[in-house]
Amino acid sequence: MPILKDITYLSLRISMAISRETYATLRSLLASMSAVTHLDVLDSFFTSWIRANHHADVDGPVLFPNLHTIYVDRIMIFAQDPQPEEVHNMVRFLRRRIAHRRPVSVVHSHTKPSSVEKLWSMFFEILGLRITWNDSTEDGKLVGHTFLCRRK
């Protein structure tokens, strides 16, 4: 049986924003999973993380230091502002990782963004990030899409 420090793929389902106290308890468990490279979450994960770590991660250790790919159950980006809080918190999560020199290189959305143009405007400045999603054609064929953000 693998021990927590050897887990490389983690599927984490937090269905709504949780309290700081609950997240603090969960964080000690998550912090022991230092080998995680792939994280599969709901968009609400980012709101929980931001609320619980409003100042803590600025100077503290980065959660999942080896993380390079995030799978998000949904990224609800609308053509018109305001955008959902989860989207802004996801951008903040990605930017904090860059500040700690632990960037995420791929974000995969399990659902098609409702506005690719708004997706571009919100995430373009995150250096080196690749956003992918799948879509179905009218005849049911699966089509993959890739959006590359700014390069150096």
Foldseek 3Di string as FASTA:
>chain_A
DDDQCPDAEEEDEDPAADDLVVVVVVQVSQQSPQNHAEYEYELRVLVNCCNNPVPPLLPDDDGNLNHAEYEYAAQAADPDDDGDPSNVSVLVSQVSCVVVVRHHQEYEYADDHPDVVRVCVSNQPSENHKYKYWDADPVGDIDIDIDTHDYD
